[in-house]
Amino acid sequence: MYEWLKAFHVIAVIAWMAGMFYLPRLFVYHCEAEPGSKQSETFKVMERRLLKAIINPAMMVVWILGLWMAWDGGWFSAPWFQLKLVLATVMSGLHGFLVRWVRAFAADANPHSQKFYRIINEIPTVLMAGIVILVIVKPF
């Protein structure tokens, strides 16, 4: 059973990360679109669908299966896992900001620049790299 949980956890992580990489990139392009334009309205649909159909469900599966495996494996006291949990929590916090920004774009009230979203676009990569290293290498 554990191997199946791990397989579905990894599949969900891949889906979540794909969305976390793509959504800020959509924001970069959405910044260029005139509010109310056909292009802007198309970005709103794309952002909403990506969030609701892929990113949100994938994150829920990642957390449910990840915590289940951690409990089953007795990892909660392992230092590598505790740091992984911190990084996954930060990733989830970023996810929350993405939700906020999807809502802001939907209301034609985007508060940020393209440059801001280009920088934000790099954060999931750094967090993911740290998480993968912790899981595979278990350095401590």
N, C-alpha and C. Protein backbone atom coordinates (compact mmCIF):
# COMPACT_ATOMS: atom_id res chain seq x y z
N MET A 1 0.82 -1.20 0.00
CA MET A 1 0.00 0.00 0.00
C MET A 1 0.87 1.26 0.00
N TYR A 2 1.99 1.22 0.74
CA TYR A 2 2.86 2.39 0.85
C TYR A 2 3.37 2.84 -0.51
N GLU A 3 3.76 1.90 -1.35
CA GLU A 3 4.29 2.25 -2.68
C GLU A 3 3.23 2.95 -3.53
N TRP A 4 1.98 2.53 -3.40
CA TRP A 4 0.88 3.20 -4.13
C TRP A 4 0.67 4.62 -3.61
N LEU A 5 0.72 4.78 -2.31
CA LEU A 5 0.59 6.12 -1.72
C LEU A 5 1.70 7.03 -2.23
N LYS A 6 2.93 6.50 -2.24
CA LYS A 6 4.07 7.29 -2.70
C LYS A 6 3.92 7.65 -4.17
N ALA A 7 3.48 6.70 -4.99
CA ALA A 7 3.30 6.98 -6.42
C ALA A 7 2.28 8.09 -6.64
N PHE A 8 1.15 8.02 -5.98
CA PHE A 8 0.13 9.05 -6.15
C PHE A 8 0.55 10.38 -5.53
N HIS A 9 1.34 10.31 -4.47
CA HIS A 9 1.89 11.54 -3.87
C HIS A 9 2.81 12.24 -4.88
N VAL A 10 3.69 11.49 -5.52
CA VAL A 10 4.61 12.06 -6.50
C VAL A 10 3.85 12.62 -7.70
N ILE A 11 2.84 11.91 -8.17
CA ILE A 11 2.01 12.41 -9.28
C ILE A 11 1.36 13.73 -8.90
N ALA A 12 0.83 13.80 -7.68
CA ALA A 12 0.19 15.04 -7.21
C ALA A 12 1.21 16.17 -7.07
N VAL A 13 2.42 15.85 -6.60
CA VAL A 13 3.47 16.86 -6.48
C VAL A 13 3.80 17.43 -7.87
N ILE A 14 3.92 16.55 -8.85
CA ILE A 14 4.24 17.01 -10.21
C ILE A 14 3.13 17.94 -10.72
N ALA A 15 1.88 17.56 -10.52
CA ALA A 15 0.76 18.41 -10.97
C ALA A 15 0.75 19.75 -10.23
N TRP A 16 0.97 19.71 -8.92
CA TRP A 16 0.98 20.94 -8.13
C TRP A 16 2.09 21.86 -8.59
N MET A 17 3.29 21.30 -8.76
CA MET A 17 4.42 22.12 -9.17
C MET A 17 4.23 22.67 -10.58
N ALA A 18 3.68 21.90 -11.47
CA ALA A 18 3.42 22.40 -12.83
C ALA A 18 2.54 23.64 -12.76
N GLY A 19 1.50 23.58 -11.95
CA GLY A 19 0.62 24.73 -11.79
C GLY A 19 1.29 25.90 -11.09
N MET A 20 2.11 25.60 -10.08
CA MET A 20 2.81 26.65 -9.34
C MET A 20 3.84 27.36 -10.22
N PHE A 21 4.38 26.65 -11.23
CA PHE A 21 5.31 27.27 -12.17
C PHE A 21 4.56 28.08 -13.23
N TYR A 22 3.42 27.57 -13.67
CA TYR A 22 2.71 28.16 -14.81
C TYR A 22 1.86 29.37 -14.43
N LEU A 23 1.21 29.34 -13.28
CA LEU A 23 0.30 30.42 -12.91
C LEU A 23 1.00 31.79 -12.80
N PRO A 24 2.14 31.90 -12.14
CA PRO A 24 2.81 33.21 -12.13
C PRO A 24 3.23 33.66 -13.53
N ARG A 25 3.56 32.72 -14.40
CA ARG A 25 3.91 33.07 -15.78
C ARG A 25 2.68 33.65 -16.48
N LEU A 26 1.51 33.08 -16.23
CA LEU A 26 0.28 33.66 -16.78
C LEU A 26 0.08 35.08 -16.27
N PHE A 27 0.40 35.30 -15.00
CA PHE A 27 0.26 36.65 -14.44
C PHE A 27 1.17 37.64 -15.17
N VAL A 28 2.39 37.21 -15.51
CA VAL A 28 3.31 38.08 -16.24
C VAL A 28 2.65 38.55 -17.53
N TYR A 29 2.07 37.63 -18.27
CA TYR A 29 1.43 37.98 -19.54
C TYR A 29 0.13 38.75 -19.33
N HIS A 30 -0.58 38.40 -18.26
CA HIS A 30 -1.85 39.07 -17.97
C HIS A 30 -1.61 40.55 -17.67
N CYS A 31 -0.49 40.87 -17.07
CA CYS A 31 -0.15 42.27 -16.78
C CYS A 31 -0.15 43.13 -18.04
N GLU A 32 0.21 42.54 -19.17
CA GLU A 32 0.29 43.27 -20.43
C GLU A 32 -1.08 43.53 -21.04
N ALA A 33 -2.07 42.74 -20.66
CA ALA A 33 -3.40 42.84 -21.26
C ALA A 33 -4.18 44.01 -20.66
N GLU A 34 -4.86 44.71 -21.50
CA GLU A 34 -5.71 45.82 -21.06
C GLU A 34 -6.90 45.26 -20.27
N PRO A 35 -7.16 45.77 -19.05
CA PRO A 35 -8.32 45.29 -18.29
C PRO A 35 -9.60 45.39 -19.12
N GLY A 36 -10.37 44.32 -19.08
CA GLY A 36 -11.63 44.28 -19.83
C GLY A 36 -11.49 43.80 -21.26
N SER A 37 -10.26 43.69 -21.75
CA SER A 37 -10.04 43.23 -23.13
C SER A 37 -10.33 41.74 -23.25
N LYS A 38 -10.49 41.29 -24.48
CA LYS A 38 -10.73 39.87 -24.72
C LYS A 38 -9.54 39.04 -24.20
N GLN A 39 -8.33 39.55 -24.41
CA GLN A 39 -7.14 38.86 -23.93
C GLN A 39 -7.14 38.74 -22.40
N SER A 40 -7.49 39.81 -21.73
CA SER A 40 -7.55 39.80 -20.27
C SER A 40 -8.59 38.80 -19.77
N GLU A 41 -9.74 38.79 -20.42
CA GLU A 41 -10.81 37.86 -20.03
C GLU A 41 -10.38 36.41 -20.26
N THR A 42 -9.63 36.16 -21.31
CA THR A 42 -9.12 34.81 -21.58
C THR A 42 -8.14 34.39 -20.49
N PHE A 43 -7.24 35.30 -20.09
CA PHE A 43 -6.32 34.98 -19.00
C PHE A 43 -7.08 34.68 -17.71
N LYS A 44 -8.12 35.41 -17.43
CA LYS A 44 -8.92 35.16 -16.22
C LYS A 44 -9.46 33.74 -16.21
N VAL A 45 -9.98 33.29 -17.34
CA VAL A 45 -10.52 31.93 -17.44
C VAL A 45 -9.40 30.90 -17.25
N MET A 46 -8.28 31.13 -17.93
CA MET A 46 -7.14 30.20 -17.81
C MET A 46 -6.65 30.11 -16.37
N GLU A 47 -6.50 31.25 -15.72
CA GLU A 47 -6.01 31.27 -14.33
C GLU A 47 -6.97 30.56 -13.39
N ARG A 48 -8.25 30.86 -13.54
CA ARG A 48 -9.26 30.25 -12.66
C ARG A 48 -9.30 28.72 -12.86
N ARG A 49 -9.29 28.29 -14.10
CA ARG A 49 -9.36 26.84 -14.37
C ARG A 49 -8.10 26.12 -13.88
N LEU A 50 -6.95 26.71 -14.11
CA LEU A 50 -5.70 26.11 -13.64
C LEU A 50 -5.72 25.96 -12.13
N LEU A 51 -6.16 26.99 -11.45
CA LEU A 51 -6.21 26.96 -9.99
C LEU A 51 -7.21 25.93 -9.48
N LYS A 52 -8.42 25.97 -10.00
CA LYS A 52 -9.48 25.12 -9.46
C LYS A 52 -9.42 23.67 -9.93
N ALA A 53 -8.94 23.44 -11.15
CA ALA A 53 -8.94 22.08 -11.69
C ALA A 53 -7.64 21.32 -11.44
N ILE A 54 -6.54 22.04 -11.26
CA ILE A 54 -5.26 21.36 -11.11
C ILE A 54 -4.57 21.70 -9.80
N ILE A 55 -4.29 22.97 -9.58
CA ILE A 55 -3.43 23.35 -8.45
C ILE A 55 -4.08 23.03 -7.10
N ASN A 56 -5.31 23.46 -6.89
CA ASN A 56 -5.96 23.21 -5.59
C ASN A 56 -6.12 21.72 -5.29
N PRO A 57 -6.70 20.92 -6.21
CA PRO A 57 -6.83 19.49 -5.90
C PRO A 57 -5.48 18.80 -5.70
N ALA A 58 -4.49 19.16 -6.51
CA ALA A 58 -3.18 18.52 -6.38
C ALA A 58 -2.57 18.82 -5.02
N MET A 59 -2.68 20.08 -4.56
CA MET A 59 -2.12 20.42 -3.26
C MET A 59 -2.80 19.61 -2.14
N MET A 60 -4.10 19.46 -2.23
CA MET A 60 -4.80 18.69 -1.19
C MET A 60 -4.33 17.24 -1.16
N VAL A 61 -4.17 16.63 -2.34
CA VAL A 61 -3.70 15.25 -2.41
C VAL A 61 -2.27 15.15 -1.87
N VAL A 62 -1.41 16.11 -2.23
CA VAL A 62 -0.03 16.11 -1.73
C VAL A 62 -0.03 16.10 -0.21
N TRP A 63 -0.79 16.99 0.40
CA TRP A 63 -0.80 17.08 1.86
C TRP A 63 -1.39 15.83 2.50
N ILE A 64 -2.50 15.35 1.99
CA ILE A 64 -3.15 14.16 2.60
C ILE A 64 -2.24 12.95 2.52
N LEU A 65 -1.73 12.66 1.33
CA LEU A 65 -0.88 11.48 1.19
C LEU A 65 0.47 11.66 1.87
N GLY A 66 1.03 12.88 1.81
CA GLY A 66 2.31 13.14 2.46
C GLY A 66 2.24 12.95 3.97
N LEU A 67 1.21 13.50 4.57
CA LEU A 67 1.06 13.33 6.03
C LEU A 67 0.77 11.89 6.40
N TRP A 68 -0.01 11.21 5.57
CA TRP A 68 -0.30 9.79 5.81
C TRP A 68 1.00 8.98 5.78
N MET A 69 1.84 9.21 4.76
CA MET A 69 3.10 8.48 4.66
C MET A 69 4.05 8.84 5.81
N ALA A 70 4.06 10.10 6.21
CA ALA A 70 4.92 10.52 7.32
C ALA A 70 4.49 9.85 8.62
N TRP A 71 3.21 9.77 8.83
CA TRP A 71 2.69 9.10 10.03
C TRP A 71 3.03 7.62 9.98
N ASP A 72 2.79 7.00 8.82
CA ASP A 72 3.05 5.58 8.66
C ASP A 72 4.54 5.27 8.81
N GLY A 73 5.41 6.17 8.33
CA GLY A 73 6.84 5.95 8.39
C GLY A 73 7.49 6.43 9.68
N GLY A 74 6.72 7.11 10.53
CA GLY A 74 7.27 7.61 11.78
C GLY A 74 8.32 8.70 11.59
N TRP A 75 8.12 9.57 10.61
CA TRP A 75 9.12 10.57 10.25
C TRP A 75 8.97 11.90 10.96
N PHE A 76 7.94 12.10 11.70
CA PHE A 76 7.69 13.42 12.28
C PHE A 76 8.83 13.90 13.19
N SER A 77 9.60 12.98 13.73
CA SER A 77 10.72 13.38 14.60
C SER A 77 12.03 13.52 13.83
N ALA A 78 12.06 13.15 12.56
CA ALA A 78 13.29 13.24 11.76
C ALA A 78 13.56 14.69 11.36
N PRO A 79 14.76 15.21 11.64
CA PRO A 79 15.07 16.61 11.31
C PRO A 79 14.88 16.95 9.82
N TRP A 80 15.27 16.04 8.92
CA TRP A 80 15.10 16.30 7.48
C TRP A 80 13.62 16.48 7.16
N PHE A 81 12.77 15.67 7.80
CA PHE A 81 11.34 15.77 7.51
C PHE A 81 10.75 17.05 8.08
N GLN A 82 11.22 17.46 9.25
CA GLN A 82 10.71 18.70 9.84
C GLN A 82 11.01 19.89 8.95
N LEU A 83 12.22 19.94 8.38
CA LEU A 83 12.56 21.02 7.46
C LEU A 83 11.75 20.90 6.16
N LYS A 84 11.55 19.68 5.69
CA LYS A 84 10.71 19.48 4.50
C LYS A 84 9.30 20.01 4.77
N LEU A 85 8.79 19.74 5.94
CA LEU A 85 7.45 20.21 6.31
C LEU A 85 7.39 21.73 6.33
N VAL A 86 8.45 22.37 6.80
CA VAL A 86 8.51 23.83 6.78
C VAL A 86 8.47 24.34 5.34
N LEU A 87 9.30 23.75 4.47
CA LEU A 87 9.33 24.19 3.07
C LEU A 87 7.99 23.94 2.37
N ALA A 88 7.36 22.81 2.66
CA ALA A 88 6.05 22.52 2.07
C ALA A 88 4.99 23.51 2.58
N THR A 89 5.13 23.93 3.83
CA THR A 89 4.21 24.93 4.38
C THR A 89 4.42 26.28 3.70
N VAL A 90 5.67 26.64 3.46
CA VAL A 90 5.96 27.89 2.74
C VAL A 90 5.39 27.82 1.32
N MET A 91 5.53 26.66 0.66
CA MET A 91 4.96 26.47 -0.68
C MET A 91 3.45 26.66 -0.63
N SER A 92 2.82 26.13 0.40
CA SER A 92 1.37 26.28 0.56
C SER A 92 0.99 27.74 0.81
N GLY A 93 1.83 28.45 1.54
CA GLY A 93 1.59 29.88 1.75
C GLY A 93 1.67 30.64 0.44
N LEU A 94 2.66 30.31 -0.39
CA LEU A 94 2.75 30.92 -1.72
C LEU A 94 1.51 30.59 -2.54
N HIS A 95 1.04 29.37 -2.42
CA HIS A 95 -0.19 28.95 -3.09
C HIS A 95 -1.34 29.89 -2.68
N GLY A 96 -1.41 30.20 -1.40
CA GLY A 96 -2.44 31.12 -0.92
C GLY A 96 -2.34 32.50 -1.54
N PHE A 97 -1.10 32.99 -1.71
CA PHE A 97 -0.92 34.28 -2.39
C PHE A 97 -1.36 34.20 -3.85
N LEU A 98 -1.08 33.08 -4.50
CA LEU A 98 -1.52 32.92 -5.89
C LEU A 98 -3.04 32.97 -5.99
N VAL A 99 -3.71 32.36 -5.03
CA VAL A 99 -5.18 32.42 -4.99
C VAL A 99 -5.63 33.88 -4.88
N ARG A 100 -4.99 34.63 -3.99
CA ARG A 100 -5.33 36.04 -3.80
C ARG A 100 -5.14 36.82 -5.10
N TRP A 101 -4.04 36.55 -5.81
CA TRP A 101 -3.75 37.30 -7.03
C TRP A 101 -4.67 36.90 -8.18
N VAL A 102 -5.10 35.65 -8.22
CA VAL A 102 -6.11 35.25 -9.22
C VAL A 102 -7.38 36.06 -8.99
N ARG A 103 -7.76 36.20 -7.74
CA ARG A 103 -8.97 36.99 -7.42
C ARG A 103 -8.78 38.47 -7.78
N ALA A 104 -7.58 38.99 -7.55
CA ALA A 104 -7.31 40.39 -7.89
C ALA A 104 -7.40 40.61 -9.40
N PHE A 105 -6.79 39.71 -10.17
CA PHE A 105 -6.88 39.83 -11.63
C PHE A 105 -8.34 39.69 -12.09
N ALA A 106 -9.09 38.79 -11.47
CA ALA A 106 -10.50 38.59 -11.84
C ALA A 106 -11.31 39.87 -11.63
N ALA A 107 -10.90 40.67 -10.63
CA ALA A 107 -11.60 41.93 -10.32
C ALA A 107 -10.95 43.12 -11.03
N ASP A 108 -10.02 42.85 -11.95
CA ASP A 108 -9.27 43.91 -12.63
C ASP A 108 -8.58 44.83 -11.62
N ALA A 109 -8.05 44.24 -10.57
CA ALA A 109 -7.40 45.02 -9.51
C ALA A 109 -6.01 44.47 -9.20
N ASN A 110 -5.27 44.09 -10.21
CA ASN A 110 -3.92 43.56 -10.01
C ASN A 110 -3.02 44.65 -9.40
N PRO A 111 -2.41 44.37 -8.25
CA PRO A 111 -1.57 45.39 -7.61
C PRO A 111 -0.08 45.33 -7.96
N HIS A 112 0.34 44.36 -8.78
CA HIS A 112 1.77 44.12 -8.99
C HIS A 112 2.19 44.25 -10.45
N SER A 113 3.50 44.37 -10.64
CA SER A 113 4.09 44.51 -11.97
C SER A 113 4.51 43.15 -12.53
N GLN A 114 4.85 43.17 -13.82
CA GLN A 114 5.40 41.97 -14.45
C GLN A 114 6.66 41.52 -13.73
N LYS A 115 7.52 42.45 -13.37
CA LYS A 115 8.77 42.11 -12.70
C LYS A 115 8.51 41.37 -11.39
N PHE A 116 7.52 41.82 -10.65
CA PHE A 116 7.15 41.16 -9.40
C PHE A 116 6.80 39.69 -9.65
N TYR A 117 5.96 39.44 -10.65
CA TYR A 117 5.53 38.07 -10.93
C TYR A 117 6.68 37.23 -11.51
N ARG A 118 7.61 37.84 -12.22
CA ARG A 118 8.79 37.11 -12.71
C ARG A 118 9.64 36.62 -11.53
N ILE A 119 9.75 37.45 -10.51
CA ILE A 119 10.50 37.05 -9.32
C ILE A 119 9.74 35.96 -8.56
N ILE A 120 8.44 36.15 -8.38
CA ILE A 120 7.60 35.16 -7.70
C ILE A 120 7.68 33.82 -8.40
N ASN A 121 7.80 33.84 -9.73
CA ASN A 121 7.85 32.63 -10.53
C ASN A 121 9.04 31.74 -10.17
N GLU A 122 10.08 32.30 -9.56
CA GLU A 122 11.28 31.53 -9.22
C GLU A 122 11.17 30.84 -7.86
N ILE A 123 10.32 31.34 -7.00
CA ILE A 123 10.24 30.82 -5.63
C ILE A 123 9.85 29.34 -5.58
N PRO A 124 8.83 28.89 -6.34
CA PRO A 124 8.50 27.45 -6.27
C PRO A 124 9.67 26.55 -6.68
N THR A 125 10.49 27.01 -7.61
CA THR A 125 11.64 26.20 -8.05
C THR A 125 12.63 26.01 -6.90
N VAL A 126 12.92 27.08 -6.20
CA VAL A 126 13.87 27.01 -5.08
C VAL A 126 13.31 26.11 -3.97
N LEU A 127 12.04 26.30 -3.63
CA LEU A 127 11.42 25.48 -2.59
C LEU A 127 11.40 24.01 -3.00
N MET A 128 11.02 23.74 -4.25
CA MET A 128 10.95 22.35 -4.72
C MET A 128 12.32 21.70 -4.67
N ALA A 129 13.37 22.42 -5.09
CA ALA A 129 14.72 21.86 -5.06
C ALA A 129 15.11 21.49 -3.63
N GLY A 130 14.82 22.36 -2.69
CA GLY A 130 15.11 22.05 -1.29
C GLY A 130 14.36 20.83 -0.80
N ILE A 131 13.10 20.73 -1.14
CA ILE A 131 12.28 19.59 -0.71
C ILE A 131 12.81 18.29 -1.31
N VAL A 132 13.11 18.30 -2.60
CA VAL A 132 13.61 17.09 -3.25
C VAL A 132 14.94 16.65 -2.63
N ILE A 133 15.83 17.58 -2.39
CA ILE A 133 17.12 17.23 -1.77
C ILE A 133 16.90 16.62 -0.39
N LEU A 134 16.02 17.21 0.39
CA LEU A 134 15.75 16.67 1.73
C LEU A 134 15.19 15.26 1.67
N VAL A 135 14.29 15.02 0.73
CA VAL A 135 13.65 13.69 0.64
C VAL A 135 14.61 12.63 0.12
N ILE A 136 15.38 12.97 -0.89
CA ILE A 136 16.27 11.98 -1.50
C ILE A 136 17.55 11.77 -0.70
N VAL A 137 18.19 12.87 -0.30
CA VAL A 137 19.49 12.78 0.38
C VAL A 137 19.35 12.55 1.87
N LYS A 138 18.29 13.11 2.47
CA LYS A 138 18.11 13.05 3.93
C LYS A 138 19.42 13.44 4.62
N PRO A 139 19.87 14.69 4.42
CA PRO A 139 21.20 15.09 4.89
C PRO A 139 21.38 15.12 6.40
N PHE A 140 20.31 15.10 7.16
CA PHE A 140 20.42 15.07 8.62
C PHE A 140 19.20 14.42 9.22
